[in-house]
Amino acid sequence: MTKTFTQNDVIRYVYHETSAKETKEIEKALLCDAKLEEIYKEVLSMKADLNKAKKVPSDKVINSILNYSKSLNLPSNK
């Protein structure tokens, strides 16, 4: 019996969240199923895009946090 893999299975595979057995099954399926391979390529592309995403807060966010912190009037550690 051939297992049908979903997009969620492919995402777990891309993020190394599958068991060794499941990894082998997905890799075998990728060789035989063009639709699954296309899903795999799309997920890889999305992962690459996410990794390029800006991970630094904007100046506005930093200033909001600093202003909030100042408004708490907590005692200094000095």
N, C-alpha and C. Protein backbone atom coordinates (compact mmCIF):
# COMPACT_ATOMS: atom_id res chain seq x y z
N MET A 1 0.84 -1.18 0.00
CA MET A 1 0.00 0.00 0.00
C MET A 1 0.88 1.25 0.00
N THR A 2 0.58 2.19 -0.87
CA THR A 2 1.34 3.42 -0.96
C THR A 2 0.67 4.49 -0.10
N LYS A 3 1.46 5.12 0.75
CA LYS A 3 0.93 6.17 1.62
C LYS A 3 0.83 7.47 0.84
N THR A 4 -0.24 8.18 1.06
CA THR A 4 -0.41 9.51 0.47
C THR A 4 0.06 10.55 1.48
N PHE A 5 0.94 11.42 1.05
CA PHE A 5 1.48 12.44 1.94
C PHE A 5 0.80 13.77 1.68
N THR A 6 0.62 14.53 2.75
CA THR A 6 -0.03 15.84 2.66
C THR A 6 1.02 16.94 2.67
N GLN A 7 0.55 18.17 2.45
CA GLN A 7 1.44 19.32 2.54
C GLN A 7 2.04 19.42 3.94
N ASN A 8 1.26 19.09 4.95
CA ASN A 8 1.76 19.13 6.33
C ASN A 8 2.89 18.13 6.54
N ASP A 9 2.79 16.97 5.92
CA ASP A 9 3.86 15.97 6.00
C ASP A 9 5.14 16.53 5.38
N VAL A 10 4.99 17.20 4.25
CA VAL A 10 6.15 17.78 3.55
C VAL A 10 6.78 18.88 4.41
N ILE A 11 5.95 19.70 5.03
CA ILE A 11 6.48 20.75 5.91
C ILE A 11 7.26 20.14 7.05
N ARG A 12 6.71 19.10 7.67
CA ARG A 12 7.43 18.43 8.76
C ARG A 12 8.74 17.85 8.26
N TYR A 13 8.73 17.31 7.05
CA TYR A 13 9.94 16.75 6.45
C TYR A 13 10.99 17.84 6.25
N VAL A 14 10.58 18.97 5.69
CA VAL A 14 11.51 20.08 5.43
C VAL A 14 12.14 20.58 6.73
N TYR A 15 11.36 20.58 7.81
CA TYR A 15 11.87 21.05 9.10
C TYR A 15 12.43 19.91 9.97
N HIS A 16 12.67 18.76 9.36
CA HIS A 16 13.29 17.60 10.03
C HIS A 16 12.49 17.15 11.26
N GLU A 17 11.17 17.11 11.11
CA GLU A 17 10.30 16.69 12.20
C GLU A 17 9.63 15.35 11.93
N THR A 18 10.17 14.60 10.99
CA THR A 18 9.63 13.29 10.67
C THR A 18 10.55 12.21 11.24
N SER A 19 9.96 11.04 11.47
CA SER A 19 10.76 9.90 11.94
C SER A 19 11.66 9.42 10.80
N ALA A 20 12.63 8.60 11.13
CA ALA A 20 13.54 8.07 10.11
C ALA A 20 12.76 7.28 9.06
N LYS A 21 11.80 6.49 9.51
CA LYS A 21 10.98 5.69 8.58
C LYS A 21 10.15 6.60 7.68
N GLU A 22 9.52 7.59 8.27
CA GLU A 22 8.69 8.50 7.49
C GLU A 22 9.53 9.31 6.50
N THR A 23 10.73 9.70 6.92
CA THR A 23 11.64 10.43 6.03
C THR A 23 11.95 9.61 4.79
N LYS A 24 12.25 8.33 4.99
CA LYS A 24 12.55 7.46 3.84
C LYS A 24 11.34 7.31 2.93
N GLU A 25 10.15 7.19 3.53
CA GLU A 25 8.94 7.05 2.73
C GLU A 25 8.66 8.31 1.92
N ILE A 26 8.85 9.47 2.54
CA ILE A 26 8.62 10.74 1.83
C ILE A 26 9.64 10.90 0.70
N GLU A 27 10.89 10.59 0.97
CA GLU A 27 11.92 10.71 -0.06
C GLU A 27 11.62 9.80 -1.25
N LYS A 28 11.14 8.59 -0.97
CA LYS A 28 10.76 7.67 -2.04
C LYS A 28 9.58 8.23 -2.81
N ALA A 29 8.59 8.78 -2.11
CA ALA A 29 7.41 9.35 -2.75
C ALA A 29 7.78 10.56 -3.61
N LEU A 30 8.75 11.35 -3.15
CA LEU A 30 9.17 12.53 -3.92
C LEU A 30 9.73 12.14 -5.28
N LEU A 31 10.34 10.98 -5.37
CA LEU A 31 10.91 10.52 -6.63
C LEU A 31 9.83 10.08 -7.63
N CYS A 32 8.68 9.66 -7.11
CA CYS A 32 7.63 9.08 -7.96
C CYS A 32 6.44 10.00 -8.19
N ASP A 33 6.27 11.02 -7.35
CA ASP A 33 5.06 11.84 -7.40
C ASP A 33 5.42 13.28 -7.73
N ALA A 34 5.12 13.68 -8.96
CA ALA A 34 5.46 15.03 -9.43
C ALA A 34 4.72 16.11 -8.64
N LYS A 35 3.47 15.84 -8.26
CA LYS A 35 2.69 16.81 -7.50
C LYS A 35 3.31 17.02 -6.12
N LEU A 36 3.71 15.94 -5.48
CA LEU A 36 4.34 16.02 -4.17
C LEU A 36 5.69 16.76 -4.28
N GLU A 37 6.42 16.50 -5.34
CA GLU A 37 7.69 17.19 -5.55
C GLU A 37 7.47 18.70 -5.72
N GLU A 38 6.40 19.08 -6.40
CA GLU A 38 6.08 20.50 -6.57
C GLU A 38 5.76 21.15 -5.23
N ILE A 39 4.99 20.43 -4.41
CA ILE A 39 4.69 20.92 -3.05
C ILE A 39 5.99 21.09 -2.27
N TYR A 40 6.87 20.13 -2.38
CA TYR A 40 8.17 20.18 -1.69
C TYR A 40 8.97 21.41 -2.12
N LYS A 41 9.01 21.67 -3.40
CA LYS A 41 9.75 22.84 -3.90
C LYS A 41 9.14 24.14 -3.40
N GLU A 42 7.80 24.19 -3.36
CA GLU A 42 7.12 25.38 -2.86
C GLU A 42 7.42 25.61 -1.38
N VAL A 43 7.41 24.53 -0.61
CA VAL A 43 7.69 24.64 0.83
C VAL A 43 9.14 25.09 1.04
N LEU A 44 10.07 24.55 0.27
CA LEU A 44 11.46 24.98 0.38
C LEU A 44 11.60 26.47 0.06
N SER A 45 10.88 26.92 -0.96
CA SER A 45 10.92 28.33 -1.35
C SER A 45 10.36 29.21 -0.23
N MET A 46 9.23 28.79 0.34
CA MET A 46 8.64 29.57 1.44
C MET A 46 9.57 29.61 2.65
N LYS A 47 10.23 28.48 2.93
CA LYS A 47 11.17 28.44 4.06
C LYS A 47 12.32 29.41 3.82
N ALA A 48 12.84 29.44 2.61
CA ALA A 48 13.93 30.37 2.27
C ALA A 48 13.46 31.81 2.42
N ASP A 49 12.24 32.11 1.97
CA ASP A 49 11.70 33.47 2.11
C ASP A 49 11.55 33.85 3.58
N LEU A 50 11.08 32.92 4.39
CA LEU A 50 10.93 33.19 5.82
C LEU A 50 12.28 33.46 6.48
N ASN A 51 13.29 32.72 6.05
CA ASN A 51 14.62 32.91 6.63
C ASN A 51 15.22 34.26 6.26
N LYS A 52 14.76 34.84 5.15
CA LYS A 52 15.25 36.15 4.73
C LYS A 52 14.49 37.30 5.41
N ALA A 53 13.38 36.97 6.04
CA ALA A 53 12.52 38.00 6.63
C ALA A 53 13.29 38.80 7.68
N LYS A 54 12.95 40.07 7.76
CA LYS A 54 13.59 40.96 8.72
C LYS A 54 13.25 40.51 10.14
N LYS A 55 14.25 40.36 10.96
CA LYS A 55 14.06 39.85 12.31
C LYS A 55 14.40 40.89 13.37
N VAL A 56 14.50 42.14 12.95
CA VAL A 56 14.85 43.23 13.86
C VAL A 56 13.63 44.11 14.04
N PRO A 57 13.27 44.44 15.28
CA PRO A 57 12.11 45.30 15.48
C PRO A 57 12.38 46.70 14.94
N SER A 58 11.32 47.36 14.53
CA SER A 58 11.47 48.72 14.02
C SER A 58 11.81 49.67 15.16
N ASP A 59 12.31 50.85 14.81
CA ASP A 59 12.63 51.87 15.82
C ASP A 59 11.38 52.25 16.61
N LYS A 60 10.24 52.28 15.94
CA LYS A 60 8.99 52.63 16.61
C LYS A 60 8.68 51.62 17.72
N VAL A 61 8.86 50.35 17.44
CA VAL A 61 8.60 49.31 18.45
C VAL A 61 9.58 49.43 19.61
N ILE A 62 10.85 49.63 19.30
CA ILE A 62 11.87 49.77 20.35
C ILE A 62 11.55 50.97 21.23
N ASN A 63 11.20 52.10 20.61
CA ASN A 63 10.87 53.30 21.39
C ASN A 63 9.62 53.09 22.25
N SER A 64 8.65 52.38 21.73
CA SER A 64 7.45 52.09 22.51
C SER A 64 7.79 51.26 23.75
N ILE A 65 8.62 50.30 23.58
CA ILE A 65 9.04 49.46 24.71
C ILE A 65 9.81 50.28 25.73
N LEU A 66 10.75 51.09 25.26
CA LEU A 66 11.54 51.92 26.17
C LEU A 66 10.65 52.92 26.91
N ASN A 67 9.72 53.54 26.22
CA ASN A 67 8.81 54.50 26.86
C ASN A 67 7.93 53.82 27.91
N TYR A 68 7.47 52.63 27.58
CA TYR A 68 6.66 51.88 28.54
C TYR A 68 7.50 51.55 29.78
N SER A 69 8.71 51.12 29.55
CA SER A 69 9.60 50.77 30.66
C SER A 69 9.85 51.99 31.55
N LYS A 70 10.08 53.13 30.94
CA LYS A 70 10.31 54.37 31.71
C LYS A 70 9.07 54.76 32.51
N SER A 71 7.90 54.48 31.97
CA SER A 71 6.66 54.87 32.64
C SER A 71 6.38 54.04 33.89
N LEU A 72 7.07 52.94 34.06
CA LEU A 72 6.84 52.08 35.22
C LEU A 72 7.46 52.65 36.49
N ASN A 73 8.40 53.56 36.35
CA ASN A 73 9.08 54.19 37.50
C ASN A 73 9.63 53.16 38.49
N LEU A 74 10.30 52.19 37.95
CA LEU A 74 10.92 51.17 38.81
C LEU A 74 12.21 51.69 39.40
N PRO A 75 12.57 51.23 40.60
CA PRO A 75 13.83 51.68 41.20
C PRO A 75 15.04 51.23 40.39
N SER A 76 16.04 52.03 40.38
CA SER A 76 17.26 51.74 39.64
C SER A 76 18.11 50.73 40.41
N ASN A 77 18.94 49.95 39.71
CA ASN A 77 19.84 48.98 40.36
C ASN A 77 21.14 49.62 40.79
N LYS A 78 21.28 50.90 40.65
CA LYS A 78 22.54 51.58 40.98
C LYS A 78 22.65 51.83 42.45
